[in-house]
C-alpha atoms as a PDB file:
ATOM      1  CA  GLY A   1      -0.059   0.069   0.113  1.00  0.00           C
ATOM      2  CA  ALA A   2       0.777   3.547  -0.423  1.00  0.00           C
ATOM      3  CA  SER A   3       2.641   5.213   2.446  1.00  0.00           C
ATOM      4  CA  HIS A   4       2.578   9.311   3.208  1.00  0.00           C
ATOM      5  CA  HIS A   5       3.825  11.744   6.018  1.00  0.00           C
ATOM      6  CA  MET A   6       2.293  14.659   6.996  1.00  0.00           C
ATOM      7  CA  GLY A   7       3.637  17.317   5.074  1.00  0.00           C
ATOM      8  CA  GLY A   8       4.779  15.296   2.121  1.00  0.00           C
ATOM      9  CA  LEU A   9       2.011  16.353  -0.385  1.00  0.00           C
ATOM     10  CA  ARG A  10       1.503  20.147   1.025  1.00  0.00           C
ATOM     11  CA  TYR A  11      -0.789  22.650   0.429  1.00  0.00           C
ATOM     12  CA  ASP A  12       0.239  26.259   0.096  1.00  0.00           C
ATOM     13  CA  PRO A  13      -1.609  29.300  -1.230  1.00  0.00           C
ATOM     14  CA  ASN A  14       1.378  30.016  -2.959  1.00  0.00           C
ATOM     15  CA  ARG A  15       1.101  27.464  -5.977  1.00  0.00           C
ATOM     16  CA  ASP A  16       4.862  27.250  -6.706  1.00  0.00           C
ATOM     17  CA  LEU A  17       5.185  25.889  -3.047  1.00  0.00           C
ATOM     18  CA  SER A  18       2.167  23.652  -3.003  1.00  0.00           C
ATOM     19  CA  VAL A  19       1.696  19.946  -4.274  1.00  0.00           C
ATOM     20  CA  VAL A  20      -2.056  20.159  -4.361  1.00  0.00           C
ATOM     21  CA  ASP A  21      -4.593  23.130  -4.934  1.00  0.00           C
ATOM     22  CA  LYS A  22      -7.255  24.751  -3.087  1.00  0.00           C
ATOM     23  CA  ASN A  23      -9.621  21.506  -3.983  1.00  0.00           C
ATOM     24  CA  LEU A  24      -7.014  19.131  -2.900  1.00  0.00           C
ATOM     25  CA  LYS A  25      -6.245  18.272  -6.564  1.00  0.00           C
ATOM     26  CA  ILE A  26      -2.556  17.288  -7.109  1.00  0.00           C
ATOM     27  CA  ILE A  27      -1.210  19.783  -9.263  1.00  0.00           C
ATOM     28  CA  GLY A  28      -0.542  18.973 -12.793  1.00  0.00           C
ATOM     29  CA  LEU A  29      -2.492  15.690 -12.670  1.00  0.00           C
ATOM     30  CA  LYS A  30      -6.008  15.284 -13.743  1.00  0.00           C
ATOM     31  CA  LYS A  31      -8.870  13.930 -11.569  1.00  0.00           C
ATOM     32  CA  VAL A  32      -5.968  12.681  -8.681  1.00  0.00           C
ATOM     33  CA  TYR A  33      -6.959  14.428  -5.337  1.00  0.00           C
ATOM     34  CA  VAL A  34      -5.548  13.743  -1.869  1.00  0.00           C
ATOM     35  CA  CYS A  35      -7.617  13.702   1.456  1.00  0.00           C
ATOM     36  CA  SER A  36      -4.981  12.940   4.087  1.00  0.00           C
ATOM     37  CA  SER A  37      -2.965  14.798   6.347  1.00  0.00           C
ATOM     38  CA  ALA A  38      -0.163  14.890   3.988  1.00  0.00           C
ATOM     39  CA  ILE A  39      -1.429  18.009   2.888  1.00  0.00           C
ATOM     40  CA  PHE A  40      -0.644  19.704   6.082  1.00  0.00           C
ATOM     41  CA  PRO A  41       2.652  21.847   5.699  1.00  0.00           C
ATOM     42  CA  THR A  42       3.300  21.285   9.501  1.00  0.00           C
ATOM     43  CA  SER A  43       1.590  19.540  12.510  1.00  0.00           C
ATOM     44  CA  GLY A  44      -0.249  20.868  15.156  1.00  0.00           C
ATOM     45  CA  SER A  45      -0.431  19.641  18.966  1.00  0.00           C
ATOM     46  CA  VAL A  46      -3.581  17.667  18.659  1.00  0.00           C
ATOM     47  CA  ASN A  47      -4.361  14.538  16.408  1.00  0.00           C
ATOM     48  CA  PRO A  48      -5.506  15.758  12.969  1.00  0.00           C
ATOM     49  CA  THR A  49      -8.411  13.147  12.435  1.00  0.00           C
ATOM     50  CA  MET A  50     -11.370  15.508  12.870  1.00  0.00           C
ATOM     51  CA  THR A  51      -9.506  18.052  10.218  1.00  0.00           C
ATOM     52  CA  VAL A  52      -8.807  15.263   7.821  1.00  0.00           C
ATOM     53  CA  CYS A  53     -12.689  14.263   8.179  1.00  0.00           C
ATOM     54  CA  ALA A  54     -13.806  17.723   7.622  1.00  0.00           C
ATOM     55  CA  LEU A  55     -11.364  17.707   4.275  1.00  0.00           C
ATOM     56  CA  GLY A  56     -13.219  14.599   3.267  1.00  0.00           C
ATOM     57  CA  ASN A  57     -16.534  16.515   3.277  1.00  0.00           C
ATOM     58  CA  LYS A  58     -15.038  19.395   1.442  1.00  0.00           C
ATOM     59  CA  LEU A  59     -13.616  17.153  -1.035  1.00  0.00           C
ATOM     60  CA  GLY A  60     -16.671  15.292  -1.280  1.00  0.00           C
ATOM     61  CA  ASP A  61     -18.841  18.278  -1.866  1.00  0.00           C
ATOM     62  CA  HIS A  62     -16.425  19.486  -4.914  1.00  0.00           C
ATOM     63  CA  LEU A  63     -16.537  16.021  -6.471  1.00  0.00           C
ATOM     64  CA  ILE A  64     -20.434  16.079  -6.545  1.00  0.00           C
ATOM     65  CA  LYS A  65     -20.377  19.498  -7.591  1.00  0.00           C
ATOM     66  CA  TYR A  66     -17.730  19.466 -10.602  1.00  0.00           C
ATOM     67  CA  LEU A  67     -17.232  15.779 -11.642  1.00  0.00           C
END
């Protein structure tokens, strides 16, 4: 299986520093999205599970609307 680490596929508002766009799509690839803590540029002081769940909801809404 695939393995990822927090920050390995980071999101940054500056597209030059980002791997994914604001809709969690990998920049430069068609229809490849990331929904995990890998997009976080740094880790916080709490478990990221709820934030990843919220990202899943955001991504689901986007996919229903645009795909």
